[in-house]
Amino acid sequence: MTEQPRHVRKPRIEINTLTIGDIVHALRQGAADFLAAPLYGLFFSGVFAAGGIFMYLHLYRFAAPWLIIPLAIGFPLVGPFAAVGLYEVSRRLRTGEKLEWRAILGVVFAQRERELAWMAFVVLFVFWVWVYQIRLLMALFLGFKRVSTLDSFLSVVVNTNEGLSFLATGTIIGGLLALVLFAITVIAIPMLMEREVDFVTAISTSVRTVTENPVAMLFFALVVTVGTFAAMAPMFLGLLVVMPILGHATWHLYKKALA
């Protein structure tokens, strides 16, 4: 009789120990990559910033400016997926490959046929969960308040007990959603772009990286959060500089994290 082939278990991916010094070094490498290839960074971040500006103008057109703040808070959630082009630029700079628009954009568009496409559904799902839970919280806390304009929304949120409760609850829930999404994407997305692994393996590896290096990874999450919010203040234009640095830095952090 012919012996049936046994299932070969894939070796577990090893996670390196990370320190805050590693995060700082990754950020410096990210800034260096941006300076080495500024046109690529400005292009990919420009597309992301243009999406934010379009969202801003779209809400005013449909007389729902009060949604600007909730959506602006959730908007950075799609940032890791939008940074795929930056990861490829950093990869080429690291390996010494030539930077070519056609090749880099080809890598970005090719992701729709690879496992990374599944991550897009995960990211967008979390984003829509955020949007709908904001609407639910508004109905629960501000159901009897008129918030048809951005000014009235800010006034209600800051000057009423219901508004403060809404703000506190929304911040806690939004923070938890952001933390979950950060944990499942920070390593998974660059990993899926470079390696032939399934998205479940990539997600579990990303979560393990965060849980095994909580101090360093939470520090990086704090840097990303503060940097992104500061960059969105001047009509999303600060993202033109901040996003490329953070995107390139994420690639270098990924390379430091995995053995």
C-alpha atoms as a PDB file:
ATOM      1  CA  MET A   1       0.000   0.000   0.000  1.00  0.00           C
ATOM      2  CA  THR A   2       1.107   3.531  -0.758  1.00  0.00           C
ATOM      3  CA  GLU A   3       1.590   5.630   2.351  1.00  0.00           C
ATOM      4  CA  GLN A   4      -0.620   8.703   2.380  1.00  0.00           C
ATOM      5  CA  PRO A   5       1.314  11.997   2.529  1.00  0.00           C
ATOM      6  CA  ARG A   6       1.214  13.602   5.919  1.00  0.00           C
ATOM      7  CA  HIS A   7       0.233  17.195   6.442  1.00  0.00           C
ATOM      8  CA  VAL A   8       3.373  19.260   6.875  1.00  0.00           C
ATOM      9  CA  ARG A   9       2.889  21.980   9.446  1.00  0.00           C
ATOM     10  CA  LYS A  10       4.415  25.307   8.526  1.00  0.00           C
ATOM     11  CA  PRO A  11       7.046  26.609  10.951  1.00  0.00           C
ATOM     12  CA  ARG A  12       5.831  29.380  13.214  1.00  0.00           C
ATOM     13  CA  ILE A  13       7.119  32.809  12.280  1.00  0.00           C
ATOM     14  CA  GLU A  14       9.480  34.126  14.944  1.00  0.00           C
ATOM     15  CA  ILE A  15       8.888  37.569  16.429  1.00  0.00           C
ATOM     16  CA  ASN A  16      11.855  39.692  17.469  1.00  0.00           C
ATOM     17  CA  THR A  17      11.913  41.692  20.675  1.00  0.00           C
ATOM     18  CA  LEU A  18      11.316  45.388  19.967  1.00  0.00           C
ATOM     19  CA  THR A  19      12.215  48.415  22.048  1.00  0.00           C
ATOM     20  CA  ILE A  20      11.243  52.070  21.903  1.00  0.00           C
ATOM     21  CA  GLY A  21      14.706  52.639  20.446  1.00  0.00           C
ATOM     22  CA  ASP A  22      13.717  50.394  17.527  1.00  0.00           C
ATOM     23  CA  ILE A  23      10.603  52.510  16.975  1.00  0.00           C
ATOM     24  CA  VAL A  24      12.648  55.704  16.951  1.00  0.00           C
ATOM     25  CA  HIS A  25      15.115  54.148  14.522  1.00  0.00           C
ATOM     26  CA  ALA A  26      12.285  53.019  12.238  1.00  0.00           C
ATOM     27  CA  LEU A  27      10.887  56.564  12.239  1.00  0.00           C
ATOM     28  CA  ARG A  28      14.293  57.931  11.284  1.00  0.00           C
ATOM     29  CA  GLN A  29      14.537  55.400   8.476  1.00  0.00           C
ATOM     30  CA  GLY A  30      11.059  56.417   7.360  1.00  0.00           C
ATOM     31  CA  ALA A  31      12.082  60.068   7.185  1.00  0.00           C
ATOM     32  CA  ALA A  32      15.230  59.085   5.264  1.00  0.00           C
ATOM     33  CA  ASP A  33      13.183  57.103   2.728  1.00  0.00           C
ATOM     34  CA  PHE A  34      10.835  60.052   2.236  1.00  0.00           C
ATOM     35  CA  LEU A  35      13.775  62.362   1.584  1.00  0.00           C
ATOM     36  CA  ALA A  36      15.332  59.789  -0.768  1.00  0.00           C
ATOM     37  CA  ALA A  37      12.153  59.466  -2.869  1.00  0.00           C
ATOM     38  CA  PRO A  38       9.944  62.498  -2.082  1.00  0.00           C
ATOM     39  CA  LEU A  39       7.872  62.385  -5.274  1.00  0.00           C
ATOM     40  CA  TYR A  40       6.581  58.909  -4.487  1.00  0.00           C
ATOM     41  CA  GLY A  41       5.745  59.888  -0.920  1.00  0.00           C
ATOM     42  CA  LEU A  42       3.929  63.037  -2.021  1.00  0.00           C
ATOM     43  CA  PHE A  43       1.998  61.127  -4.676  1.00  0.00           C
ATOM     44  CA  PHE A  44       0.640  58.396  -2.407  1.00  0.00           C
ATOM     45  CA  SER A  45      -0.012  60.748   0.502  1.00  0.00           C
ATOM     46  CA  GLY A  46      -1.605  63.225  -1.922  1.00  0.00           C
ATOM     47  CA  VAL A  47      -4.153  60.612  -2.967  1.00  0.00           C
ATOM     48  CA  PHE A  48      -4.947  59.956   0.696  1.00  0.00           C
ATOM     49  CA  ALA A  49      -5.217  63.671   1.529  1.00  0.00           C
ATOM     50  CA  ALA A  50      -7.409  64.256  -1.536  1.00  0.00           C
ATOM     51  CA  GLY A  51      -9.784  61.595  -0.205  1.00  0.00           C
ATOM     52  CA  GLY A  52     -10.045  63.466   3.090  1.00  0.00           C
ATOM     53  CA  ILE A  53     -10.716  66.787   1.360  1.00  0.00           C
ATOM     54  CA  PHE A  54     -13.339  65.149  -0.880  1.00  0.00           C
ATOM     55  CA  MET A  55     -15.050  63.695   2.192  1.00  0.00           C
ATOM     56  CA  TYR A  56     -15.029  67.121   3.861  1.00  0.00           C
ATOM     57  CA  LEU A  57     -16.572  68.893   0.849  1.00  0.00           C
ATOM     58  CA  HIS A  58     -19.028  66.048   0.242  1.00  0.00           C
ATOM     59  CA  LEU A  59     -20.475  66.350   3.750  1.00  0.00           C
ATOM     60  CA  TYR A  60     -20.981  70.074   3.340  1.00  0.00           C
ATOM     61  CA  ARG A  61     -22.710  69.526   0.022  1.00  0.00           C
ATOM     62  CA  PHE A  62     -25.228  67.168   1.624  1.00  0.00           C
ATOM     63  CA  ALA A  63     -25.701  69.441   4.630  1.00  0.00           C
ATOM     64  CA  ALA A  64     -24.185  66.995   7.118  1.00  0.00           C
ATOM     65  CA  PRO A  65     -21.078  68.875   8.311  1.00  0.00           C
ATOM     66  CA  TRP A  66     -21.591  67.524  11.841  1.00  0.00           C
ATOM     67  CA  LEU A  67     -20.292  64.162  10.529  1.00  0.00           C
ATOM     68  CA  ILE A  68     -16.907  65.687   9.698  1.00  0.00           C
ATOM     69  CA  ILE A  69     -15.383  65.083  13.138  1.00  0.00           C
ATOM     70  CA  PRO A  70     -16.515  61.430  13.515  1.00  0.00           C
ATOM     71  CA  LEU A  71     -15.393  60.593   9.969  1.00  0.00           C
ATOM     72  CA  ALA A  72     -12.133  62.486  10.368  1.00  0.00           C
ATOM     73  CA  ILE A  73     -11.420  60.405  13.466  1.00  0.00           C
ATOM     74  CA  GLY A  74     -12.181  57.177  11.599  1.00  0.00           C
ATOM     75  CA  PHE A  75     -10.509  58.226   8.339  1.00  0.00           C
ATOM     76  CA  PRO A  76      -6.958  57.265   9.430  1.00  0.00           C
ATOM     77  CA  LEU A  77      -8.158  53.689   9.934  1.00  0.00           C
ATOM     78  CA  VAL A  78      -7.729  53.090   6.190  1.00  0.00           C
ATOM     79  CA  GLY A  79      -4.227  54.605   6.233  1.00  0.00           C
ATOM     80  CA  PRO A  80      -2.269  51.323   6.481  1.00  0.00           C
ATOM     81  CA  PHE A  81      -3.943  49.945   3.350  1.00  0.00           C
ATOM     82  CA  ALA A  82      -3.372  53.211   1.485  1.00  0.00           C
ATOM     83  CA  ALA A  83       0.367  53.011   2.270  1.00  0.00           C
ATOM     84  CA  VAL A  84       1.062  49.895   0.196  1.00  0.00           C
ATOM     85  CA  GLY A  85       2.864  51.959  -2.443  1.00  0.00           C
ATOM     86  CA  LEU A  86       5.119  53.439   0.227  1.00  0.00           C
ATOM     87  CA  TYR A  87       5.999  49.954   1.463  1.00  0.00           C
ATOM     88  CA  GLU A  88       7.110  48.986  -2.033  1.00  0.00           C
ATOM     89  CA  VAL A  89       9.252  52.122  -2.322  1.00  0.00           C
ATOM     90  CA  SER A  90      10.958  51.306   0.990  1.00  0.00           C
ATOM     91  CA  ARG A  91      11.452  47.701  -0.074  1.00  0.00           C
ATOM     92  CA  ARG A  92      13.189  48.804  -3.277  1.00  0.00           C
ATOM     93  CA  LEU A  93      15.352  51.327  -1.466  1.00  0.00           C
ATOM     94  CA  ARG A  94      16.370  48.602   0.993  1.00  0.00           C
ATOM     95  CA  THR A  95      17.256  46.076  -1.715  1.00  0.00           C
ATOM     96  CA  GLY A  96      18.814  48.584  -4.105  1.00  0.00           C
ATOM     97  CA  GLU A  97      16.231  48.012  -6.842  1.00  0.00           C
ATOM     98  CA  LYS A  98      15.469  50.819  -9.264  1.00  0.00           C
ATOM     99  CA  LEU A  99      12.492  53.058  -8.474  1.00  0.00           C
ATOM    100  CA  GLU A 100      10.100  53.082 -11.422  1.00  0.00           C
ATOM    101  CA  TRP A 101       6.555  54.406 -11.434  1.00  0.00           C
ATOM    102  CA  ARG A 102       5.251  51.612 -13.640  1.00  0.00           C
ATOM    103  CA  ALA A 103       6.743  48.871 -11.490  1.00  0.00           C
ATOM    104  CA  ILE A 104       5.652  50.384  -8.170  1.00  0.00           C
ATOM    105  CA  LEU A 105       2.104  51.111  -9.321  1.00  0.00           C
ATOM    106  CA  GLY A 106       2.011  47.624 -10.828  1.00  0.00           C
ATOM    107  CA  VAL A 107       2.739  46.154  -7.398  1.00  0.00           C
ATOM    108  CA  VAL A 108      -0.049  48.260  -5.874  1.00  0.00           C
ATOM    109  CA  PHE A 109      -2.644  47.221  -8.456  1.00  0.00           C
ATOM    110  CA  ALA A 110      -1.531  43.585  -8.316  1.00  0.00           C
ATOM    111  CA  GLN A 111      -2.639  43.399  -4.669  1.00  0.00           C
ATOM    112  CA  ARG A 112      -6.285  43.140  -5.737  1.00  0.00           C
ATOM    113  CA  GLU A 113      -5.568  39.555  -6.849  1.00  0.00           C
ATOM    114  CA  ARG A 114      -3.563  38.599  -3.763  1.00  0.00           C
ATOM    115  CA  GLU A 115      -4.338  37.980  -0.092  1.00  0.00           C
ATOM    116  CA  LEU A 116      -3.971  41.680   0.682  1.00  0.00           C
ATOM    117  CA  ALA A 117      -7.347  42.260  -0.974  1.00  0.00           C
ATOM    118  CA  TRP A 118      -8.978  40.424   1.946  1.00  0.00           C
ATOM    119  CA  MET A 119      -7.360  42.858   4.349  1.00  0.00           C
ATOM    120  CA  ALA A 120      -9.093  45.683   2.508  1.00  0.00           C
ATOM    121  CA  PHE A 121     -12.441  44.162   3.470  1.00  0.00           C
ATOM    122  CA  VAL A 122     -11.316  43.892   7.093  1.00  0.00           C
ATOM    123  CA  VAL A 123     -10.196  47.534   7.194  1.00  0.00           C
ATOM    124  CA  LEU A 124     -13.331  48.858   5.507  1.00  0.00           C
ATOM    125  CA  PHE A 125     -15.533  46.703   7.745  1.00  0.00           C
ATOM    126  CA  VAL A 126     -13.985  48.205  10.878  1.00  0.00           C
ATOM    127  CA  PHE A 127     -14.340  51.694   9.380  1.00  0.00           C
ATOM    128  CA  TRP A 128     -18.040  51.189   8.711  1.00  0.00           C
ATOM    129  CA  VAL A 129     -18.530  49.712  12.200  1.00  0.00           C
ATOM    130  CA  TRP A 130     -17.054  52.959  13.525  1.00  0.00           C
ATOM    131  CA  VAL A 131     -19.387  55.107  11.378  1.00  0.00           C
ATOM    132  CA  TYR A 132     -22.533  53.188  12.344  1.00  0.00           C
ATOM    133  CA  GLN A 133     -21.703  53.050  16.041  1.00  0.00           C
ATOM    134  CA  ILE A 134     -21.253  56.843  15.965  1.00  0.00           C
ATOM    135  CA  ARG A 135     -24.732  57.199  14.472  1.00  0.00           C
ATOM    136  CA  LEU A 136     -26.085  54.821  17.130  1.00  0.00           C
ATOM    137  CA  LEU A 137     -24.420  56.781  19.933  1.00  0.00           C
ATOM    138  CA  MET A 138     -25.769  60.031  18.520  1.00  0.00           C
ATOM    139  CA  ALA A 139     -29.264  58.569  18.516  1.00  0.00           C
ATOM    140  CA  LEU A 140     -28.857  57.371  22.123  1.00  0.00           C
ATOM    141  CA  PHE A 141     -27.227  60.480  23.600  1.00  0.00           C
ATOM    142  CA  LEU A 142     -28.208  63.316  21.269  1.00  0.00           C
ATOM    143  CA  GLY A 143     -31.515  62.130  19.890  1.00  0.00           C
ATOM    144  CA  PHE A 144     -33.411  65.224  21.034  1.00  0.00           C
ATOM    145  CA  LYS A 145     -30.668  67.724  20.220  1.00  0.00           C
ATOM    146  CA  ARG A 146     -30.459  69.654  16.970  1.00  0.00           C
ATOM    147  CA  VAL A 147     -27.059  69.109  15.357  1.00  0.00           C
ATOM    148  CA  SER A 148     -27.679  70.107  11.745  1.00  0.00           C
ATOM    149  CA  THR A 149     -24.458  72.129  11.529  1.00  0.00           C
ATOM    150  CA  LEU A 150     -20.889  71.664  12.678  1.00  0.00           C
ATOM    151  CA  ASP A 151     -21.161  74.614  15.092  1.00  0.00           C
ATOM    152  CA  SER A 152     -24.320  73.264  16.699  1.00  0.00           C
ATOM    153  CA  PHE A 153     -22.755  69.801  16.949  1.00  0.00           C
ATOM    154  CA  LEU A 154     -19.685  71.182  18.748  1.00  0.00           C
ATOM    155  CA  SER A 155     -21.867  73.290  21.020  1.00  0.00           C
ATOM    156  CA  VAL A 156     -24.018  70.327  22.044  1.00  0.00           C
ATOM    157  CA  VAL A 157     -21.028  68.006  22.550  1.00  0.00           C
ATOM    158  CA  VAL A 158     -19.059  70.472  24.691  1.00  0.00           C
ATOM    159  CA  ASN A 159     -21.806  72.255  26.631  1.00  0.00           C
ATOM    160  CA  THR A 160     -24.319  69.542  27.565  1.00  0.00           C
ATOM    161  CA  ASN A 161     -24.173  66.481  29.796  1.00  0.00           C
ATOM    162  CA  GLU A 162     -25.518  64.341  26.973  1.00  0.00           C
ATOM    163  CA  GLY A 163     -22.834  65.638  24.646  1.00  0.00           C
ATOM    164  CA  LEU A 164     -20.035  64.973  27.122  1.00  0.00           C
ATOM    165  CA  SER A 165     -21.343  61.435  27.680  1.00  0.00           C
ATOM    166  CA  PHE A 166     -21.470  60.928  23.928  1.00  0.00           C
ATOM    167  CA  LEU A 167     -17.909  62.213  23.585  1.00  0.00           C
ATOM    168  CA  ALA A 168     -16.561  60.001  26.382  1.00  0.00           C
ATOM    169  CA  THR A 169     -18.338  56.848  25.165  1.00  0.00           C
ATOM    170  CA  GLY A 170     -17.401  57.465  21.537  1.00  0.00           C
ATOM    171  CA  THR A 171     -13.767  58.057  22.458  1.00  0.00           C
ATOM    172  CA  ILE A 172     -13.555  54.794  24.410  1.00  0.00           C
ATOM    173  CA  ILE A 173     -15.230  52.718  21.700  1.00  0.00           C
ATOM    174  CA  GLY A 174     -13.286  54.426  18.929  1.00  0.00           C
ATOM    175  CA  GLY A 175     -10.028  53.893  20.786  1.00  0.00           C
ATOM    176  CA  LEU A 176     -10.750  50.184  21.198  1.00  0.00           C
ATOM    177  CA  LEU A 177     -11.636  49.806  17.505  1.00  0.00           C
ATOM    178  CA  ALA A 178      -8.492  51.674  16.490  1.00  0.00           C
ATOM    179  CA  LEU A 179      -6.361  49.504  18.778  1.00  0.00           C
ATOM    180  CA  VAL A 180      -7.849  46.308  17.334  1.00  0.00           C
ATOM    181  CA  LEU A 181      -7.307  47.490  13.768  1.00  0.00           C
ATOM    182  CA  PHE A 182      -3.764  48.617  14.552  1.00  0.00           C
ATOM    183  CA  ALA A 183      -2.952  45.205  16.041  1.00  0.00           C
ATOM    184  CA  ILE A 184      -4.257  43.234  13.058  1.00  0.00           C
ATOM    185  CA  THR A 185      -2.810  45.450  10.306  1.00  0.00           C
ATOM    186  CA  VAL A 186       0.459  47.077  11.419  1.00  0.00           C
ATOM    187  CA  ILE A 187       2.569  44.034  10.494  1.00  0.00           C
ATOM    188  CA  ALA A 188       0.029  42.127   8.398  1.00  0.00           C
ATOM    189  CA  ILE A 189      -0.251  44.560   5.479  1.00  0.00           C
ATOM    190  CA  PRO A 190       3.471  44.947   4.694  1.00  0.00           C
ATOM    191  CA  MET A 191       3.877  41.221   5.315  1.00  0.00           C
ATOM    192  CA  LEU A 192       1.167  40.332   2.780  1.00  0.00           C
ATOM    193  CA  MET A 193       2.707  42.677   0.233  1.00  0.00           C
ATOM    194  CA  GLU A 194       6.123  41.021   0.492  1.00  0.00           C
ATOM    195  CA  ARG A 195       5.419  37.379   1.364  1.00  0.00           C
ATOM    196  CA  GLU A 196       3.198  34.655  -0.027  1.00  0.00           C
ATOM    197  CA  VAL A 197       1.189  33.946   3.135  1.00  0.00           C
ATOM    198  CA  ASP A 198      -2.527  33.802   3.785  1.00  0.00           C
ATOM    199  CA  PHE A 199      -4.160  36.783   5.450  1.00  0.00           C
ATOM    200  CA  VAL A 200      -5.111  34.802   8.570  1.00  0.00           C
ATOM    201  CA  THR A 201      -1.428  33.991   9.172  1.00  0.00           C
ATOM    202  CA  ALA A 202      -0.524  37.627   8.568  1.00  0.00           C
ATOM    203  CA  ILE A 203      -3.164  38.859  11.024  1.00  0.00           C
ATOM    204  CA  SER A 204      -2.114  36.408  13.731  1.00  0.00           C
ATOM    205  CA  THR A 205       1.541  37.370  13.242  1.00  0.00           C
ATOM    206  CA  SER A 206       0.664  41.048  13.528  1.00  0.00           C
ATOM    207  CA  VAL A 207      -1.346  40.497  16.707  1.00  0.00           C
ATOM    208  CA  ARG A 208       1.483  38.411  18.189  1.00  0.00           C
ATOM    209  CA  THR A 209       3.956  41.190  17.433  1.00  0.00           C
ATOM    210  CA  VAL A 210       1.814  43.675  19.348  1.00  0.00           C
ATOM    211  CA  THR A 211       1.090  41.377  22.293  1.00  0.00           C
ATOM    212  CA  GLU A 212       4.727  40.257  22.622  1.00  0.00           C
ATOM    213  CA  ASN A 213       6.036  43.839  22.374  1.00  0.00           C
ATOM    214  CA  PRO A 214       3.250  45.891  24.018  1.00  0.00           C
ATOM    215  CA  VAL A 215       5.340  48.865  25.186  1.00  0.00           C
ATOM    216  CA  ALA A 216       7.145  49.450  21.899  1.00  0.00           C
ATOM    217  CA  MET A 217       4.113  48.837  19.687  1.00  0.00           C
ATOM    218  CA  LEU A 218       1.762  50.989  21.780  1.00  0.00           C
ATOM    219  CA  PHE A 219       4.376  53.742  21.636  1.00  0.00           C
ATOM    220  CA  PHE A 220       4.342  53.455  17.837  1.00  0.00           C
ATOM    221  CA  ALA A 221       0.531  53.512  17.853  1.00  0.00           C
ATOM    222  CA  LEU A 222       0.651  56.705  19.937  1.00  0.00           C
ATOM    223  CA  VAL A 223       3.093  58.309  17.490  1.00  0.00           C
ATOM    224  CA  VAL A 224       0.866  57.348  14.549  1.00  0.00           C
ATOM    225  CA  THR A 225      -2.265  58.676  16.262  1.00  0.00           C
ATOM    226  CA  VAL A 226      -0.805  62.000  17.377  1.00  0.00           C
ATOM    227  CA  GLY A 227       1.027  62.538  14.092  1.00  0.00           C
ATOM    228  CA  THR A 228      -2.022  61.760  11.976  1.00  0.00           C
ATOM    229  CA  PHE A 229      -4.394  64.001  13.936  1.00  0.00           C
ATOM    230  CA  ALA A 230      -1.896  66.866  13.880  1.00  0.00           C
ATOM    231  CA  ALA A 231      -1.461  66.412  10.136  1.00  0.00           C
ATOM    232  CA  MET A 232      -5.223  66.501   9.482  1.00  0.00           C
ATOM    233  CA  ALA A 233      -5.673  69.845  11.246  1.00  0.00           C
ATOM    234  CA  PRO A 234      -4.620  72.057   8.299  1.00  0.00           C
ATOM    235  CA  MET A 235      -7.300  70.678   5.937  1.00  0.00           C
ATOM    236  CA  PHE A 236      -5.587  67.253   5.675  1.00  0.00           C
ATOM    237  CA  LEU A 237      -2.545  68.880   4.009  1.00  0.00           C
ATOM    238  CA  GLY A 238      -0.157  67.858   6.781  1.00  0.00           C
ATOM    239  CA  LEU A 239      -0.673  64.265   5.638  1.00  0.00           C
ATOM    240  CA  LEU A 240       1.494  65.062   2.611  1.00  0.00           C
ATOM    241  CA  VAL A 241       4.530  64.854   4.899  1.00  0.00           C
ATOM    242  CA  VAL A 242       3.393  62.813   7.895  1.00  0.00           C
ATOM    243  CA  MET A 243       1.860  59.892   6.015  1.00  0.00           C
ATOM    244  CA  PRO A 244       4.948  59.059   3.894  1.00  0.00           C
ATOM    245  CA  ILE A 245       7.199  59.104   6.961  1.00  0.00           C
ATOM    246  CA  LEU A 246       4.842  56.876   8.944  1.00  0.00           C
ATOM    247  CA  GLY A 247       4.288  54.583   5.961  1.00  0.00           C
ATOM    248  CA  HIS A 248       7.988  54.090   5.310  1.00  0.00           C
ATOM    249  CA  ALA A 249       8.606  53.711   9.056  1.00  0.00           C
ATOM    250  CA  THR A 250       5.975  50.958   9.246  1.00  0.00           C
ATOM    251  CA  TRP A 251       7.858  48.990   6.603  1.00  0.00           C
ATOM    252  CA  HIS A 252      11.119  49.232   8.516  1.00  0.00           C
ATOM    253  CA  LEU A 253       9.338  48.297  11.754  1.00  0.00           C
ATOM    254  CA  TYR A 254       7.919  45.228  10.032  1.00  0.00           C
ATOM    255  CA  LYS A 255      11.407  44.184   8.911  1.00  0.00           C
ATOM    256  CA  LYS A 256      12.723  44.658  12.456  1.00  0.00           C
ATOM    257  CA  ALA A 257       9.828  42.716  13.980  1.00  0.00           C
ATOM    258  CA  LEU A 258      10.036  39.468  12.012  1.00  0.00           C
ATOM    259  CA  ALA A 259      13.034  37.172  12.210  1.00  0.00           C
END
